[in-house]
């Protein structure tokens, strides 16, 4: 059965089949809604159903609470229609003319930036190049297994190779493979670019970037892109971790200061032996401490769902940030592989 979905306040509308999620139908008909994990885990695609009924589907309780459901909220990546719908979405627009592709690649180079952070540099087949926006991500496609999303850490102008920052996850079969078995010249497949986390270049508002851990990867890409195109907007990076090793590219961030980008590192669990003399506590709290009014800023936050949720909540409620000026990419938890990682036949 086919229903009709209308997005407010934009007025965009599109048909939706009863077996499709709202996000799937929107993307199919050329409209983009905020999203990231597409698995009901990160909460980025959360929005309000103003009219109509939905089946909320399967999701994590941390991404959508019972109280939010009672208030009419749902996750667009999971919800399927039971009637015509009118939904409220913070942003919606026609998708960029950037194709989403499934491509082979080869690990050109891999090296550690910390004991638990590996950089992968991926090489595309000869003559191929991936079009993407700084801040977007790709999904690695292990054979017959669940896709694994990773943000691109390089800017489009340096897109000859794709750079990923991968943190070792306890019990995570793919990251265990990366750290313990993967070799240079290993073969992979991926789909991308994906996601709506990218720098809005048509704004003149000051920008605050907030990252925790490897949430630094897409922020790095956006900052390098901004510097490359000569974007003249005040920018301030807050990068948080537990201990100094979590801030695995501090020298790079310090280099940006010479280009006018402020940098504030923040640690939440520094030990006496770390000799840490900098800011401490939750990374988003450092922003609250430094800014009494965020109504004229744009925020780009990337990291754990807990950090992203706290930043959105406190910046909008306590510092006057318009919800439409908060852009985020939350790292959602994923299920570990049940079987060993299987490499692909060479496309080269």
Protein backbone atom coordinates (compact mmCIF):
# COMPACT_ATOMS: atom_id res chain seq x y z
CA UNK A 1 0.00 0.00 0.00
CA UNK A 2 1.24 3.50 -0.84
CA UNK A 3 0.91 6.48 1.48
CA UNK A 4 1.91 10.13 1.18
CA UNK A 5 4.51 11.83 3.39
CA UNK A 6 4.78 15.61 3.77
CA UNK A 7 7.77 17.28 5.42
CA UNK A 8 7.20 20.45 7.40
CA UNK A 9 8.13 23.27 7.38
CA UNK A 10 9.57 22.79 3.88
CA UNK A 11 6.38 21.42 2.34
CA UNK A 12 8.25 18.71 0.42
CA UNK A 13 6.17 15.58 -0.17
CA UNK A 14 6.79 12.12 -1.56
CA UNK A 15 5.08 8.70 -1.76
CA UNK A 16 6.07 5.98 0.68
CA UNK A 17 5.34 2.26 0.60
CA UNK A 18 4.19 0.58 3.79
CA UNK A 19 7.33 -1.61 3.85
CA UNK A 20 9.70 1.40 3.54
CA UNK A 21 11.14 3.47 6.35
CA UNK A 22 10.60 7.21 6.16
CA UNK A 23 14.31 7.73 5.55
CA UNK A 24 14.48 5.12 2.79
CA UNK A 25 11.55 6.68 0.95
CA UNK A 26 12.88 10.22 1.34
CA UNK A 27 16.29 9.26 -0.05
CA UNK A 28 14.73 7.28 -2.90
CA UNK A 29 12.73 10.32 -4.01
CA UNK A 30 15.67 12.72 -3.80
CA UNK A 31 15.19 14.31 -0.38
CA UNK A 32 17.68 14.20 2.45
CA UNK A 33 16.87 14.05 6.15
CA UNK A 34 19.48 14.14 8.92
CA UNK A 35 20.79 10.62 9.49
CA UNK A 36 23.89 8.67 10.36
CA UNK A 37 23.75 5.02 11.46
CA UNK A 38 20.45 3.99 9.78
CA UNK A 39 20.06 1.34 12.51
CA UNK A 40 18.06 3.09 15.23
CA UNK A 41 21.09 3.54 17.43
CA UNK A 42 22.45 7.08 17.15
CA UNK A 43 19.28 9.22 17.29
CA UNK A 44 20.45 11.69 14.62
CA UNK A 45 17.35 11.06 12.47
CA UNK A 46 14.89 11.69 15.30
CA UNK A 47 11.90 13.83 14.33
CA UNK A 48 8.25 14.45 15.07
CA UNK A 49 5.21 12.80 13.50
CA UNK A 50 2.74 15.70 13.38
CA UNK A 51 -0.06 13.73 11.70
CA UNK A 52 -0.57 10.04 11.01
CA UNK A 53 0.56 6.76 12.55
CA UNK A 54 3.83 4.83 12.27
CA UNK A 55 5.31 1.51 13.27
CA UNK A 56 8.42 2.60 15.18
CA UNK A 57 10.36 -0.55 14.23
CA UNK A 58 13.45 -1.83 16.06
CA UNK A 59 15.72 0.67 17.82
CA UNK A 60 17.85 1.19 20.91
CA UNK A 61 16.06 2.63 23.93
CA UNK A 62 18.86 5.16 24.36
CA UNK A 63 18.07 6.59 20.91
CA UNK A 64 14.30 6.90 21.42
CA UNK A 65 12.67 6.91 24.84
CA UNK A 66 9.07 6.06 25.72
CA UNK A 67 8.54 9.67 26.75
CA UNK A 68 9.68 10.84 23.32
CA UNK A 69 7.32 8.39 21.62
CA UNK A 70 4.47 9.74 23.74
CA UNK A 71 5.45 13.24 22.59
CA UNK A 72 5.14 12.14 18.96
CA UNK A 73 8.80 11.54 18.17
CA UNK A 74 10.20 8.69 16.08
CA UNK A 75 13.39 7.62 14.32
CA UNK A 76 12.99 8.15 10.60
CA UNK A 77 15.50 5.37 9.82
CA UNK A 78 13.26 2.80 11.55
CA UNK A 79 9.68 4.09 11.36
CA UNK A 80 7.33 2.75 8.68
CA UNK A 81 3.98 4.32 7.76
CA UNK A 82 0.57 3.02 8.81
CA UNK A 83 -1.19 6.01 7.19
CA UNK A 84 -0.45 9.24 5.35
CA UNK A 85 2.11 11.22 7.34
CA UNK A 86 3.08 14.80 8.11
CA UNK A 87 6.49 14.92 9.74
CA UNK A 88 8.53 17.76 11.18
CA UNK A 89 12.18 17.72 10.22
CA UNK A 90 14.90 20.18 11.23
CA UNK A 91 16.47 20.13 7.76
CA UNK A 92 15.33 18.71 4.48
CA UNK A 93 16.39 19.40 0.96
CA UNK A 94 17.30 17.97 -2.39
CA UNK A 95 20.30 15.67 -2.28
CA UNK A 96 23.58 16.92 -3.68
CA UNK A 97 24.51 15.66 -7.11
CA UNK A 98 27.07 13.33 -5.57
CA UNK A 99 26.46 9.68 -6.43
CA UNK A 100 26.60 7.02 -3.73
CA UNK A 101 28.80 4.26 -5.11
CA UNK A 102 29.92 0.79 -4.14
CA UNK A 103 33.62 0.48 -4.89
CA UNK A 104 36.62 -1.76 -4.27
CA UNK A 105 39.74 -0.41 -2.62
CA UNK A 106 43.10 -1.56 -1.36
CA UNK A 107 44.89 -0.70 1.89
CA UNK A 108 47.79 1.40 0.66
CA UNK A 109 49.18 2.25 4.06
CA UNK A 110 48.36 1.61 7.71
CA UNK A 111 49.98 2.96 10.85
CA UNK A 112 49.13 3.60 14.49
CA UNK A 113 48.61 7.07 15.91
CA UNK A 114 48.02 5.58 19.38
CA UNK A 115 47.94 2.10 20.86
CA UNK A 116 44.23 1.89 20.01
CA UNK A 117 43.96 4.15 16.93
CA UNK A 118 44.92 2.94 13.46
CA UNK A 119 45.05 5.05 10.31
CA UNK A 120 44.06 3.31 7.10
CA UNK A 121 44.90 4.93 3.80
CA UNK A 122 42.74 3.39 1.07
CA UNK A 123 43.65 3.37 -2.60
CA UNK A 124 40.96 3.27 -5.28
CA UNK A 125 41.32 1.40 -8.58
CA UNK A 126 43.29 3.22 -11.31
CA UNK A 127 41.41 6.16 -12.77
CA UNK A 128 38.74 6.16 -10.04
CA UNK A 129 38.04 8.94 -7.55
CA UNK A 130 35.36 9.33 -4.91
CA UNK A 131 33.34 12.53 -4.86
CA UNK A 132 32.37 13.50 -1.31
CA UNK A 133 31.81 16.39 1.08
CA UNK A 134 34.20 16.96 3.97
CA UNK A 135 32.65 15.31 7.03
CA UNK A 136 30.84 12.46 5.27
CA UNK A 137 31.53 8.78 5.89
CA UNK A 138 31.79 5.49 4.03
CA UNK A 139 30.58 2.03 5.04
CA UNK A 140 33.07 -0.80 4.75
CA UNK A 141 31.27 -3.86 3.36
CA UNK A 142 32.73 -7.10 4.72
CA UNK A 143 31.53 -10.09 2.73
CA UNK A 144 28.15 -11.38 4.00
CA UNK A 145 28.49 -9.28 7.15
CA UNK A 146 27.16 -6.08 8.66
CA UNK A 147 28.52 -2.81 7.14
CA UNK A 148 30.94 -0.81 9.29
CA UNK A 149 30.73 2.99 8.97
CA UNK A 150 33.86 5.15 9.27
CA UNK A 151 34.21 8.89 8.74
CA UNK A 152 36.56 10.15 6.06
CA UNK A 153 39.41 12.02 7.72
CA UNK A 154 40.73 13.68 4.57
CA UNK A 155 39.28 16.65 2.69
CA UNK A 156 38.00 16.26 -0.90
CA UNK A 157 40.92 18.19 -2.39
CA UNK A 158 43.27 15.49 -1.08
CA UNK A 159 41.06 12.66 -2.22
CA UNK A 160 43.63 10.62 -4.15
CA UNK A 161 43.55 8.28 -1.15
CA UNK A 162 40.86 7.90 1.51
CA UNK A 163 41.89 8.21 5.15
CA UNK A 164 40.11 6.47 8.03
CA UNK A 165 40.84 6.68 11.77
CA UNK A 166 39.83 3.39 13.39
CA UNK A 167 39.70 2.90 17.14
CA UNK A 168 40.18 -0.61 18.50
CA UNK A 169 36.95 -1.79 20.11
CA UNK A 170 37.00 -4.52 22.72
CA UNK A 171 35.12 -7.47 21.26
CA UNK A 172 34.73 -5.78 17.87
CA UNK A 173 35.62 -8.40 15.25
CA UNK A 174 36.34 -5.91 12.47
CA UNK A 175 38.61 -3.68 14.53
CA UNK A 176 40.34 -6.79 15.88
CA UNK A 177 40.94 -7.81 12.28
CA UNK A 178 42.33 -4.36 11.46
CA UNK A 179 44.75 -4.35 14.40
CA UNK A 180 45.77 -8.01 14.42
CA UNK A 181 45.44 -9.40 10.89
CA UNK A 182 45.07 -6.74 8.23
CA UNK A 183 48.10 -6.04 6.08
CA UNK A 184 48.96 -3.35 3.59
CA UNK A 185 47.55 -4.28 0.18
CA UNK A 186 44.54 -6.00 1.80
CA UNK A 187 41.39 -5.64 -0.28
CA UNK A 188 38.10 -4.13 0.86
CA UNK A 189 34.81 -2.92 -0.54
CA UNK A 190 32.87 0.15 0.59
CA UNK A 191 29.75 2.19 -0.11
CA UNK A 192 29.72 5.97 0.00
CA UNK A 193 29.76 8.80 0.50
CA UNK A 194 27.03 8.77 3.14
CA UNK A 195 25.62 11.09 5.79
CA UNK A 196 24.62 14.73 6.11
CA UNK A 197 27.44 15.78 8.43
CA UNK A 198 29.31 18.38 6.39
CA UNK A 199 30.30 22.03 6.61
CA UNK A 200 27.59 24.49 5.51
CA UNK A 201 29.68 26.82 3.39
CA UNK A 202 26.88 29.33 2.64
CA UNK A 203 26.75 30.54 6.26
CA UNK A 204 28.83 33.32 7.80
CA UNK A 205 28.32 32.25 11.42
CA UNK A 206 31.29 31.47 13.68
CA UNK A 207 31.90 27.73 13.91
CA UNK A 208 32.57 25.59 16.96
CA UNK A 209 33.78 22.05 16.32
CA UNK A 210 33.45 19.51 19.13
CA UNK A 211 35.02 16.07 18.88
CA UNK A 212 35.74 13.27 21.27
CA UNK A 213 38.19 10.51 20.44
CA UNK A 214 38.13 9.51 16.77
CA UNK A 215 35.25 11.94 16.29
CA UNK A 216 38.21 14.10 15.34
CA UNK A 217 38.35 12.40 11.90
CA UNK A 218 35.48 14.21 10.09
CA UNK A 219 36.26 17.44 11.93
CA UNK A 220 39.80 17.23 10.59
CA UNK A 221 38.39 16.86 7.09
CA UNK A 222 36.11 19.89 7.49
CA UNK A 223 38.85 22.10 8.91
CA UNK A 224 41.28 21.15 6.16
CA UNK A 225 38.59 21.84 3.57
CA UNK A 226 37.79 25.23 5.13
CA UNK A 227 41.45 26.20 5.05
CA UNK A 228 41.81 24.98 1.47
CA UNK A 229 38.95 27.11 0.15
CA UNK A 230 39.93 30.12 2.28
CA UNK A 231 36.72 30.19 4.32
CA UNK A 232 36.77 33.38 6.38
CA UNK A 233 34.81 32.46 9.50
CA UNK A 234 35.96 32.29 13.13
CA UNK A 235 36.53 28.64 14.04
CA UNK A 236 37.23 26.98 17.39
CA UNK A 237 38.01 23.29 17.87
CA UNK A 238 37.34 21.55 21.18
CA UNK A 239 38.75 18.01 21.22
CA UNK A 240 38.08 15.77 24.19
CA UNK A 241 39.41 12.45 25.42
CA UNK A 242 40.03 10.59 28.63
CA UNK A 243 43.84 10.73 28.63
CA UNK A 244 46.46 12.46 26.44
CA UNK A 245 46.83 9.49 24.07
CA UNK A 246 43.19 9.96 23.02
CA UNK A 247 44.18 13.27 21.43
CA UNK A 248 46.28 11.42 18.91
CA UNK A 249 46.92 14.29 16.44
CA UNK A 250 47.48 17.24 18.76
CA UNK A 251 50.40 18.48 16.69
CA UNK A 252 48.15 18.75 13.64
CA UNK A 253 45.57 20.71 15.64
CA UNK A 254 48.30 23.01 16.98
CA UNK A 255 49.46 23.70 13.42
CA UNK A 256 45.99 25.00 12.53
CA UNK A 257 46.32 27.66 15.22
CA UNK A 258 48.78 29.52 12.98
CA UNK A 259 45.91 29.79 10.46
CA UNK A 260 43.62 31.39 13.04
CA UNK A 261 41.74 28.30 14.24
CA UNK A 262 41.53 28.17 18.02
CA UNK A 263 42.20 24.80 19.66
CA UNK A 264 41.16 23.68 23.14
CA UNK A 265 42.08 20.14 24.21
CA UNK A 266 40.07 18.71 27.10
CA UNK A 267 40.66 15.55 29.15
CA UNK A 268 38.05 13.83 31.31
CA UNK A 269 40.20 11.34 33.21
CA UNK A 270 43.82 12.54 33.25
CA UNK A 271 46.04 10.84 35.84
CA UNK A 272 48.76 12.55 37.92
CA UNK A 273 51.46 10.81 35.90
CA UNK A 274 50.07 12.41 32.71
CA UNK A 275 51.24 15.82 33.93
CA UNK A 276 48.20 17.38 32.28
CA UNK A 277 47.97 21.15 32.73
CA UNK A 278 45.05 21.79 30.37
CA UNK A 279 41.27 21.83 30.63
CA UNK A 280 39.46 18.93 32.29
CA UNK A 281 35.95 17.52 32.36
CA UNK A 282 33.39 16.76 29.64
CA UNK A 283 34.37 18.39 26.36
CA UNK A 284 30.99 20.06 25.82
CA UNK A 285 31.20 21.59 29.32
CA UNK A 286 34.31 23.47 28.21
CA UNK A 287 32.21 25.14 25.52
CA UNK A 288 29.53 26.03 28.08
CA UNK A 289 32.21 27.54 30.30
CA UNK A 290 33.62 29.65 27.46
CA UNK A 291 30.40 30.89 25.82
CA UNK A 292 27.43 32.52 27.49
CA UNK A 293 25.54 32.91 24.21
CA UNK A 294 25.63 30.53 21.23
CA UNK A 295 22.63 31.97 19.40
CA UNK A 296 24.82 33.28 16.57
CA UNK A 297 27.05 30.19 16.17
CA UNK A 298 27.02 26.89 14.31
CA UNK A 299 28.04 23.74 16.16
CA UNK A 300 29.52 20.64 14.51
CA UNK A 301 29.76 17.78 17.01
CA UNK A 302 31.11 14.29 16.43
CA UNK A 303 31.63 11.51 18.94
CA UNK A 304 29.65 9.29 21.27
CA UNK A 305 25.85 9.55 21.36
CA UNK A 306 26.11 10.63 25.03
CA UNK A 307 28.35 13.59 24.15
CA UNK A 308 26.27 14.61 21.14
CA UNK A 309 23.00 14.39 23.08
CA UNK A 310 24.39 16.39 26.02
CA UNK A 311 25.79 19.06 23.71
CA UNK A 312 22.55 19.47 21.79
CA UNK A 313 20.48 19.59 24.97
CA UNK A 314 22.64 22.03 26.90
CA UNK A 315 23.58 24.34 24.04
CA UNK A 316 19.97 24.82 22.97
CA UNK A 317 18.47 25.01 26.47
CA UNK A 318 21.20 26.99 28.24
CA UNK A 319 22.99 29.00 25.56
CA UNK A 320 20.26 29.83 23.03
CA UNK A 321 21.65 27.81 20.13
CA UNK A 322 18.99 27.34 17.43
CA UNK A 323 18.39 23.65 16.88
CA UNK A 324 18.89 24.20 13.14
CA UNK A 325 22.45 25.35 13.86
CA UNK A 326 23.48 22.08 15.51
CA UNK A 327 24.98 19.47 13.17
CA UNK A 328 26.15 16.14 14.50
CA UNK A 329 27.51 12.71 13.76
CA UNK A 330 27.13 10.24 16.62
CA UNK A 331 29.14 7.03 16.65
CA UNK A 332 26.50 4.38 17.16
CA UNK A 333 27.33 0.99 18.67
CA UNK A 334 27.46 -1.89 16.19
CA UNK A 335 27.22 -5.64 16.57
CA UNK A 336 30.46 -7.57 16.29
CA UNK A 337 30.97 -10.01 13.46
CA UNK A 338 30.00 -13.59 14.13
CA UNK A 339 32.41 -14.94 11.53
CA UNK A 340 36.01 -14.06 10.62
CA UNK A 341 36.49 -11.16 8.23
CA UNK A 342 36.69 -12.34 4.63
CA UNK A 343 38.76 -10.44 2.07
CA UNK A 344 37.67 -9.83 -1.50
CA UNK A 345 39.18 -10.95 -4.77
CA UNK A 346 41.48 -8.37 -6.27
CA UNK A 347 39.81 -5.77 -8.54
CA UNK A 348 43.20 -4.33 -9.50
